[in-house]
Protein backbone atom coordinates (compact mmCIF):
# COMPACT_ATOMS: atom_id res chain seq x y z
CA VAL A 1 6.50 -7.37 -14.32
CA GLN A 2 3.35 -4.98 -13.95
CA LEU A 3 2.63 -3.28 -10.32
CA VAL A 4 -1.03 -1.30 -10.97
CA GLU A 5 -2.42 0.97 -7.50
CA SER A 6 -5.14 2.33 -7.32
CA GLY A 7 -8.02 3.65 -4.42
CA GLY A 8 -5.75 6.89 -3.75
CA GLY A 9 -8.15 9.91 -3.32
CA LEU A 10 -8.97 13.07 -0.63
CA VAL A 11 -10.40 11.60 2.57
CA GLN A 12 -10.88 13.87 5.93
CA PRO A 13 -8.59 13.12 8.92
CA GLY A 14 -10.20 10.23 10.20
CA GLY A 15 -11.14 8.85 7.59
CA SER A 16 -10.29 5.42 5.43
CA LEU A 17 -9.46 4.14 2.18
CA THR A 18 -8.52 0.79 0.78
CA LEU A 19 -5.86 1.09 -1.80
CA SER A 20 -5.51 -1.85 -4.14
CA CYS A 21 -2.39 -3.49 -6.27
CA ALA A 22 -2.90 -5.29 -9.21
CA ALA A 23 -0.05 -7.89 -10.30
CA SER A 24 0.89 -9.48 -13.44
CA GLY A 25 4.13 -10.84 -15.48
CA PHE A 26 5.28 -12.72 -12.09
CA ASP A 27 4.88 -16.00 -9.90
CA PHE A 28 2.52 -13.38 -7.78
CA ASN A 29 1.08 -16.46 -5.33
CA THR A 30 5.06 -16.81 -4.55
CA ALA A 31 6.11 -13.39 -4.04
CA THR A 32 6.42 -11.28 -1.10
CA ILE A 33 4.43 -7.24 -1.88
CA ASN A 34 5.17 -4.36 -0.11
CA TRP A 35 3.42 -0.99 0.11
CA HIS A 36 5.92 2.01 0.54
CA ARG A 37 4.72 5.59 0.80
CA VAL A 38 6.43 9.00 -0.77
CA ALA A 39 5.22 11.91 1.68
CA PRO A 40 5.81 15.21 0.44
CA GLY A 41 9.36 16.26 0.76
CA LYS A 42 10.31 13.09 2.29
CA GLY A 43 12.19 10.12 1.18
CA LEU A 44 10.47 6.56 0.28
CA GLU A 45 8.94 4.81 3.59
CA TRP A 46 8.54 1.72 3.83
CA VAL A 47 4.79 0.97 5.36
CA SER A 48 3.89 -2.68 5.35
CA THR A 49 4.54 -6.15 3.37
CA ILE A 50 2.53 -9.33 2.97
CA SER A 51 4.41 -12.57 2.30
CA SER A 52 3.39 -15.28 0.04
CA ASP A 53 2.06 -16.99 3.19
CA SER A 54 0.28 -13.75 3.98
CA THR A 55 2.20 -13.36 7.03
CA THR A 56 2.03 -9.62 7.16
CA PHE A 57 4.33 -7.04 8.52
CA TYR A 58 3.68 -3.15 9.46
CA ALA A 59 5.72 -0.04 10.19
CA PRO A 60 4.80 1.37 13.67
CA SER A 61 3.09 4.30 11.89
CA ALA A 62 0.75 1.81 10.26
CA LYS A 63 0.28 -1.04 13.16
CA GLY A 64 -3.17 -0.58 13.92
CA ARG A 65 -4.64 1.34 11.65
CA PHE A 66 -3.54 -0.06 8.46
CA THR A 67 -4.23 -3.70 6.96
CA ILE A 68 -2.99 -5.40 4.61
CA SER A 69 -4.00 -8.63 2.75
CA ARG A 70 -4.09 -10.56 -0.56
CA ASP A 71 -5.74 -12.35 -2.80
CA ASN A 72 -3.99 -14.67 -4.97
CA ALA A 73 -6.78 -15.29 -7.51
CA LYS A 74 -6.75 -11.89 -8.46
CA ALA A 75 -3.00 -11.44 -8.14
CA THR A 76 -3.85 -8.09 -6.19
CA VAL A 77 -2.98 -7.00 -2.93
CA TYR A 78 -4.90 -4.82 -0.85
CA LEU A 79 -3.81 -1.53 2.22
CA GLN A 80 -7.03 -1.22 3.91
CA MET A 81 -5.94 2.78 6.19
CA ASN A 82 -8.04 3.27 8.84
CA ARG A 83 -8.03 6.65 11.12
CA LEU A 84 -6.15 8.34 8.25
CA LYS A 85 -4.33 11.61 9.46
CA PRO A 86 -2.72 14.23 7.87
CA ASP A 87 0.90 13.04 8.12
CA ASP A 88 -0.40 9.80 6.22
CA THR A 89 -0.63 12.03 3.29
CA ALA A 90 1.80 10.62 0.09
CA VAL A 91 1.80 8.72 -2.51
CA TYR A 92 1.53 5.07 -2.27
CA TYR A 93 3.51 2.59 -4.12
CA CYS A 94 3.26 -0.98 -4.07
CA THR A 95 6.54 -2.91 -4.77
CA ARG A 96 7.89 -6.28 -5.25
CA GLY A 97 11.54 -5.81 -4.10
CA PRO A 98 13.49 -3.31 -6.55
CA GLU A 99 10.27 -2.77 -8.70
CA ARG A 100 7.27 -0.46 -8.23
CA GLY A 101 4.64 0.78 -9.68
CA ARG A 102 3.50 4.21 -10.63
CA GLY A 103 1.71 4.92 -7.06
CA THR A 104 -2.02 6.40 -5.97
CA GLN A 105 -2.13 9.82 -4.22
CA VAL A 106 -3.41 9.88 -0.92
CA THR A 107 -4.25 12.95 0.29
CA VAL A 108 -5.55 13.58 4.19
CA SER A 109 -7.29 16.98 4.69
CA SER A 110 -10.14 18.87 6.05
């Protein structure tokens, strides 16, 4: 199983980023994939989930600003993040059950 996140970076408040999670080593089409994050000094926080039939779920902090999607042909899940806030600063991880990638850093700062 491999989950590889990309797309993080430094963005100003109010800006946007799209994270990608490239998956391999399992049947992606039947998998539920999640995004979690770890902010400085805090624990693991669930952000969003997409099921195998593309049903989506969002944490209250993400709802209305973030959009999760998947491309089964590319075995990739995306997290479109809009209207970013400094509180969104964190390492973002793509997860499947207990498995997760190495993460991608998102920093929201002016």
